[in-house]
Protein backbone atom coordinates (compact mmCIF):
# COMPACT_ATOMS: atom_id res chain seq x y z
CA MET A 1 -2.87 13.19 -38.65
CA LYS A 2 -2.85 13.85 -34.90
CA ARG A 3 -4.06 10.71 -32.91
CA ARG A 4 -6.91 11.05 -30.80
CA LEU A 5 -5.89 10.31 -27.15
CA LYS A 6 -7.75 8.89 -24.10
CA ILE A 7 -6.49 11.13 -21.22
CA ALA A 8 -7.52 10.79 -17.48
CA ILE A 9 -7.10 13.36 -14.81
CA LEU A 10 -6.50 12.09 -11.39
CA SER A 11 -8.50 14.60 -9.26
CA ARG A 12 -10.83 14.48 -6.44
CA ASN A 13 -12.89 17.40 -7.56
CA THR A 14 -14.23 18.00 -11.01
CA ARG A 15 -15.10 21.57 -10.17
CA LEU A 16 -11.64 22.79 -9.51
CA TYR A 17 -10.39 25.31 -12.00
CA SER A 18 -7.30 23.33 -12.91
CA THR A 19 -9.25 20.18 -13.54
CA LYS A 20 -11.85 21.88 -15.60
CA ARG A 21 -9.22 23.72 -17.63
CA LEU A 22 -7.38 20.58 -18.37
CA VAL A 23 -10.64 18.78 -19.53
CA GLU A 24 -11.40 21.80 -21.71
CA ALA A 25 -8.01 22.07 -23.35
CA GLY A 26 -7.89 18.31 -24.06
CA MET A 27 -11.32 18.29 -25.68
CA GLN A 28 -10.43 21.45 -27.67
CA ARG A 29 -7.53 19.50 -29.15
CA GLY A 30 -9.63 16.58 -29.97
CA HIS A 31 -9.02 14.10 -27.19
CA GLU A 32 -11.30 11.99 -24.92
CA MET A 33 -10.98 13.36 -21.35
CA TYR A 34 -11.91 11.67 -18.14
CA VAL A 35 -11.74 12.64 -14.45
CA ILE A 36 -11.03 9.99 -12.02
CA ASP A 37 -11.04 10.27 -8.26
CA PRO A 38 -7.95 8.35 -7.15
CA LEU A 39 -9.59 7.33 -3.84
CA ARG A 40 -12.42 5.51 -5.71
CA CYS A 41 -9.90 3.36 -7.57
CA TYR A 42 -8.89 -0.10 -6.36
CA MET A 43 -6.38 -2.34 -7.91
CA ASN A 44 -5.08 -5.75 -8.32
CA VAL A 45 -1.25 -5.76 -8.13
CA ALA A 46 -0.78 -9.43 -9.34
CA THR A 47 2.42 -9.87 -11.42
CA ASP A 48 0.67 -11.60 -14.32
CA ASN A 49 -2.31 -9.25 -14.67
CA PRO A 50 -2.08 -5.93 -12.83
CA GLU A 51 -5.43 -4.12 -13.02
CA ILE A 52 -7.08 -0.86 -11.90
CA HIS A 53 -10.80 -0.51 -11.41
CA PHE A 54 -12.99 2.43 -10.91
CA LYS A 55 -16.70 2.43 -10.00
CA GLY A 56 -17.06 -1.25 -10.76
CA ARG A 57 -15.34 -1.51 -14.06
CA LYS A 58 -11.77 -2.04 -15.20
CA LEU A 59 -9.87 1.03 -16.41
CA ASP A 60 -8.18 0.12 -19.71
CA GLY A 61 -7.13 1.64 -22.98
CA LEU A 62 -5.91 5.01 -21.51
CA ASP A 63 -3.01 6.77 -23.26
CA ALA A 64 -2.08 9.21 -20.50
CA ILE A 65 -2.65 10.18 -16.86
CA ILE A 66 -2.46 13.81 -15.62
CA PRO A 67 -1.95 13.55 -11.75
CA ARG A 68 -3.69 16.29 -9.74
CA ILE A 69 -2.86 14.90 -6.44
CA GLY A 70 -3.56 16.84 -3.19
CA ALA A 71 -1.04 16.59 -0.34
CA SER A 72 -3.49 14.80 1.99
CA VAL A 73 -3.96 11.76 -0.38
CA THR A 74 -0.38 11.51 -1.62
CA PHE A 75 0.21 8.00 -0.29
CA TYR A 76 -2.78 6.30 -1.84
CA ALA A 77 -2.98 8.31 -5.11
CA THR A 78 0.72 7.87 -5.88
CA ALA A 79 0.08 4.15 -5.39
CA ILE A 80 -2.71 4.20 -8.06
CA LEU A 81 -0.38 6.34 -10.28
CA ARG A 82 2.38 3.58 -9.87
CA GLN A 83 -0.22 1.03 -10.96
CA PHE A 84 -0.78 3.04 -14.11
CA GLU A 85 2.83 3.11 -14.70
CA MET A 86 3.04 -0.63 -14.36
CA ILE A 87 0.53 -1.28 -17.10
CA GLY A 88 2.32 1.15 -19.45
CA VAL A 89 0.23 4.30 -19.31
CA PHE A 90 2.13 7.51 -19.79
CA THR A 91 1.97 9.60 -16.62
CA LEU A 92 2.72 13.27 -17.08
CA ASN A 93 4.52 13.46 -13.68
CA ASP A 94 5.55 10.02 -12.29
CA SER A 95 4.86 8.70 -8.81
CA ASP A 96 8.43 8.83 -7.52
CA ALA A 97 8.95 12.56 -8.63
CA ILE A 98 5.75 13.52 -6.92
CA VAL A 99 6.74 11.87 -3.59
CA ARG A 100 10.12 13.44 -3.93
CA ALA A 101 8.64 17.00 -4.48
CA ARG A 102 6.14 16.61 -1.50
CA ASP A 103 9.17 16.09 0.85
CA LYS A 104 10.50 19.54 1.19
CA LEU A 105 13.60 18.44 2.97
CA ARG A 106 14.37 15.64 0.29
CA SER A 107 13.82 18.00 -2.52
CA LEU A 108 15.98 20.83 -1.01
CA GLN A 109 18.76 18.21 -0.49
CA LEU A 110 18.60 17.11 -4.18
CA LEU A 111 18.67 20.71 -5.35
CA SER A 112 21.59 21.57 -2.98
CA ARG A 113 23.59 18.49 -4.00
CA THR A 114 23.60 19.88 -7.77
CA GLY A 115 24.45 23.47 -6.85
CA ILE A 116 21.04 25.10 -7.06
CA ALA A 117 21.07 28.21 -4.81
CA MET A 118 18.58 28.44 -2.09
CA PRO A 119 17.99 30.36 1.23
CA VAL A 120 20.16 29.01 4.26
CA THR A 121 18.16 26.19 5.67
CA GLY A 122 18.31 24.12 8.82
CA PHE A 123 16.71 20.88 10.02
CA ALA A 124 17.00 19.16 13.36
CA HIS A 125 15.04 16.81 15.58
CA ALA A 126 15.96 16.91 19.21
CA PRO A 127 14.89 19.86 21.46
CA ASP A 128 18.43 20.46 22.63
CA ASP A 129 19.53 21.19 19.09
CA THR A 130 17.47 24.47 18.80
CA GLU A 131 20.22 26.96 19.91
CA ASP A 132 22.85 25.62 17.54
CA LEU A 133 20.25 25.24 14.74
CA MET A 134 19.53 28.93 15.06
CA LYS A 135 23.25 29.72 14.90
CA LEU A 136 23.36 27.76 11.64
CA VAL A 137 20.57 29.63 10.10
CA GLY A 138 21.32 33.06 11.43
CA GLU A 139 19.53 35.62 13.48
CA ALA A 140 15.77 36.13 13.39
CA PRO A 141 13.54 36.73 11.62
CA VAL A 142 13.48 33.21 10.26
CA ILE A 143 10.77 31.11 8.39
CA ILE A 144 9.64 27.86 9.92
CA LYS A 145 8.15 25.40 7.46
CA LEU A 146 6.36 21.99 7.95
CA THR A 147 8.01 19.68 5.48
CA GLU A 148 4.73 18.49 4.09
CA GLY A 149 2.71 21.81 4.07
CA SER A 150 1.21 23.28 0.89
CA GLN A 151 -0.29 26.59 -0.38
CA GLY A 152 1.31 28.45 2.38
CA GLN A 153 -0.10 26.23 5.15
CA GLY A 154 2.41 25.31 7.89
CA VAL A 155 4.64 28.28 7.24
CA VAL A 156 5.42 30.62 10.07
CA LEU A 157 7.62 33.84 10.27
CA ALA A 158 9.23 34.14 13.56
CA GLU A 159 10.45 37.66 13.94
CA THR A 160 12.45 37.19 17.05
CA ARG A 161 14.69 34.49 18.39
CA GLN A 162 12.28 33.78 21.33
CA ALA A 163 9.38 33.52 18.90
CA ALA A 164 11.39 31.12 16.70
CA GLU A 165 12.20 28.87 19.68
CA SER A 166 8.51 28.89 20.77
CA VAL A 167 7.27 27.82 17.42
CA ILE A 168 10.01 25.12 17.11
CA ASP A 169 9.09 23.70 20.51
CA ALA A 170 5.34 23.79 19.44
CA PHE A 171 6.04 21.90 16.25
CA ARG A 172 8.25 19.29 18.01
CA GLY A 173 5.40 18.81 20.46
CA LEU A 174 3.14 17.89 17.53
CA ASN A 175 5.96 15.38 16.41
CA ALA A 176 6.06 17.33 13.14
CA HIS A 177 8.95 17.61 10.80
CA PHE A 178 9.94 21.17 9.83
CA LEU A 179 12.56 23.36 8.29
CA VAL A 180 14.04 26.58 9.66
CA GLN A 181 15.02 28.97 6.83
CA ARG A 182 16.69 32.44 6.67
CA PHE A 183 14.10 35.13 5.90
CA VAL A 184 14.94 36.98 2.80
CA LYS A 185 13.95 40.64 3.77
CA GLU A 186 15.00 42.31 0.60
CA ALA A 187 12.48 40.20 -1.41
CA GLN A 188 9.66 42.42 0.33
CA GLY A 189 7.15 39.71 0.42
CA ALA A 190 7.35 38.84 -3.31
CA ASP A 191 8.37 35.67 -5.18
CA LEU A 192 8.24 34.31 -8.69
CA ARG A 193 6.07 31.24 -9.86
CA CYS A 194 7.77 29.66 -12.79
CA PHE A 195 5.45 27.12 -14.71
CA VAL A 196 7.78 24.57 -16.26
CA VAL A 197 6.38 22.29 -18.91
CA GLY A 198 8.98 19.91 -20.25
CA ASP A 199 12.25 21.75 -21.05
CA GLN A 200 10.77 25.41 -21.15
CA VAL A 201 9.01 27.90 -18.79
CA VAL A 202 5.69 28.35 -20.51
CA ALA A 203 4.53 31.15 -18.06
CA ALA A 204 5.62 33.23 -15.08
CA MET A 205 4.22 35.50 -12.66
CA LYS A 206 5.28 37.72 -9.72
CA ARG A 207 3.30 37.02 -6.57
CA GLN A 208 3.15 39.91 -3.96
CA ALA A 209 1.98 39.36 -0.41
CA ARG A 210 -0.82 41.50 0.82
CA ARG A 211 0.05 44.11 3.52
CA GLY A 212 0.79 42.59 6.88
CA GLU A 213 1.42 39.19 5.35
CA PHE A 214 4.83 37.55 4.36
CA ARG A 215 3.44 34.71 2.26
CA ALA A 216 2.87 35.58 -1.36
CA ASN A 217 0.61 32.63 -2.12
CA LEU A 218 -2.60 33.64 -3.80
CA HIS A 219 -4.57 31.52 -1.38
CA LYS A 220 -3.42 33.80 1.30
CA GLY A 221 -4.65 36.86 -0.42
CA GLY A 222 -1.56 37.70 -2.41
CA SER A 223 -1.75 39.50 -5.96
CA ALA A 224 -0.12 38.39 -9.12
CA GLN A 225 1.02 39.92 -12.38
CA GLU A 226 2.99 38.58 -15.35
CA VAL A 227 6.85 38.90 -14.98
CA ASP A 228 9.79 38.79 -17.26
CA LEU A 229 12.24 36.30 -15.97
CA SER A 230 16.02 36.72 -16.31
CA ALA A 231 17.91 33.99 -18.29
CA LYS A 232 19.38 32.74 -14.97
CA GLU A 233 15.91 32.51 -13.32
CA ARG A 234 14.47 30.60 -16.32
CA ASP A 235 17.42 28.22 -16.42
CA MET A 236 17.19 27.74 -12.66
CA ALA A 237 13.52 26.74 -12.88
CA ILE A 238 14.01 24.43 -15.66
CA ARG A 239 17.06 22.67 -13.86
CA ALA A 240 15.16 22.41 -10.60
CA ALA A 241 12.11 20.60 -12.21
CA LYS A 242 14.55 18.13 -13.95
CA ILE A 243 16.48 17.40 -10.84
CA ILE A 244 13.21 16.56 -9.04
CA GLY A 245 12.22 14.44 -12.08
CA LEU A 246 9.01 16.49 -12.97
CA ASN A 247 7.74 17.15 -16.46
CA VAL A 248 5.38 19.78 -15.22
CA ALA A 249 6.25 22.01 -12.19
CA GLY A 250 5.67 25.10 -10.39
CA VAL A 251 8.99 26.35 -9.33
CA ASP A 252 9.01 29.17 -6.70
CA ILE A 253 12.06 31.59 -6.86
CA ILE A 254 12.89 34.57 -4.63
CA ARG A 255 14.94 37.48 -5.67
CA SER A 256 17.69 38.23 -3.14
CA SER A 257 20.79 40.37 -2.92
CA GLN A 258 22.83 37.25 -3.73
CA GLY A 259 20.76 36.45 -6.82
CA PRO A 260 17.84 34.27 -7.42
CA LEU A 261 17.12 31.46 -4.82
CA ILE A 262 14.87 28.47 -5.03
CA LEU A 263 12.14 28.24 -2.46
CA GLU A 264 10.24 25.22 -3.45
CA VAL A 265 9.29 22.88 -6.44
CA ASN A 266 5.65 22.06 -6.59
CA SER A 267 4.30 18.80 -8.60
CA SER A 268 0.64 19.87 -8.89
CA PRO A 269 0.84 23.56 -9.56
CA GLY A 270 -2.56 25.41 -9.95
CA LEU A 271 -3.50 26.87 -13.13
CA GLU A 272 -5.83 29.67 -12.27
CA GLY A 273 -3.42 32.18 -10.95
CA ILE A 274 -0.81 31.62 -13.61
CA GLU A 275 -3.22 31.67 -16.61
CA ALA A 276 -4.95 34.84 -15.22
CA ALA A 277 -1.67 36.81 -14.63
CA SER A 278 0.18 35.61 -17.79
CA LYS A 279 -2.79 35.40 -20.22
CA LYS A 280 -1.11 32.18 -21.47
CA ASP A 281 -2.96 28.84 -22.29
CA VAL A 282 -1.03 26.71 -19.73
CA ALA A 283 -3.47 23.90 -19.93
CA GLY A 284 -3.06 23.80 -23.69
CA GLU A 285 0.76 23.54 -23.28
CA ILE A 286 0.34 20.57 -20.84
CA VAL A 287 -1.85 18.68 -23.29
CA ALA A 288 0.46 19.50 -26.28
CA PHE A 289 3.39 18.01 -24.20
CA ILE A 290 1.25 14.87 -23.70
CA GLU A 291 0.69 14.68 -27.41
CA LYS A 292 4.41 14.72 -28.12
CA ASN A 293 5.38 12.26 -25.34
CA ALA A 294 2.51 9.79 -24.90
CA ARG A 295 3.26 6.46 -26.48
CA LYS A 296 0.71 3.96 -27.56
CA ARG A 297 0.98 1.36 -24.66
CA LYS A 298 1.70 -2.13 -25.60
CA PRO A 299 -1.35 -4.24 -25.34
CA ARG A 300 -1.18 -7.18 -22.96
CA ASN A 301 -1.97 -10.63 -24.31
CA GLY A 302 -2.66 -9.22 -27.68
CA LYS A 303 -5.56 -7.21 -26.32
CA ASN A 304 -6.15 -3.35 -25.82
CA GLY A 305 -9.50 -2.67 -24.12
CA ALA A 306 -11.39 0.63 -24.19
C-alpha cells in the first residue's frame, strides 16, 4: 500500500501555475500538500535540537520538500532548505545543487570539466581585458549574460564589436559578473528545454523566439511545441543535471553545426510551458519521484511530531 506523505512546497506565491500543479498532483496521488513561504520561516540552528518555525509553529513531520526558489531569495531560501536537510527531510533538489545551478559560471565550469559541449564562453573582470576576451570568444555577434540572471533577464545580444564593448563596460560599471558567449546563428532563435526528473527526460519542447527577438524564453514572447530529442541530446540533458547534482532540472540545449550544446541548467524550471507543449503530466512525474525516493525520517528523541 502506498504511504501517504506530507509534502511541502517552498514557494512565495500559491497562485503560480507550477505551485498549483504540484499541489494538485500531490493531492491526486493521495498526499498531504502544503505551501510554505521560505521568507516567513525562521529557525534554530542549535546542534542538539535544530528547528524550523513557520507562522508561530514548529514545522515537523514533513516527509519531503519541493523547493521552488526564486533567484532573488536564493540566499535565505537555501538556508531554510539546508535546515530541512539537517533534520532529515528529503529535499527534491538539495541546497548545494541549487546554489551551484544559480551560479552560471560555476555550473558551466563543472560541465566543461566533464566534457559537456557548450558554446565558446569567456569571463573576465578588469576593463583592460575586454579586447583579449573578445579574441577568445570570437567575432561579434556575441551573447552577454549576467551570471545570476533568469528567464532571459540580464541577457544581451551585441551584434557588433563596438556594441559588445559598450555593454561590457556598462555591466562592469554596475560591478556585475557576466559571461560573454559566442552567438550560435544557425540555431535561428530556437532552443530545446529538456525536463529531467531523476534519470530520465520526462518531457521536452522546442522554444522559438518571436520575430526580432533572440531569446527563446516563453516569458519573452517565444512559442513552444513538443520536440523529439536525439539520443545524444537526451543523454546530454541527463548527464548535465547529474553533474550539477539536481534530481529535477530544466536543461536548455541549442542545436549547432557542431552538434548539441548546453546553454544552461535550471534548478526550478517552470511547468506551465512544458506541460502545455508536451501534454505530459510533469507535476505527476515529480511527485512519483518523491514517492520512490523519500524515506521516513528518523524521529529525534523517539518522537515524530505532525
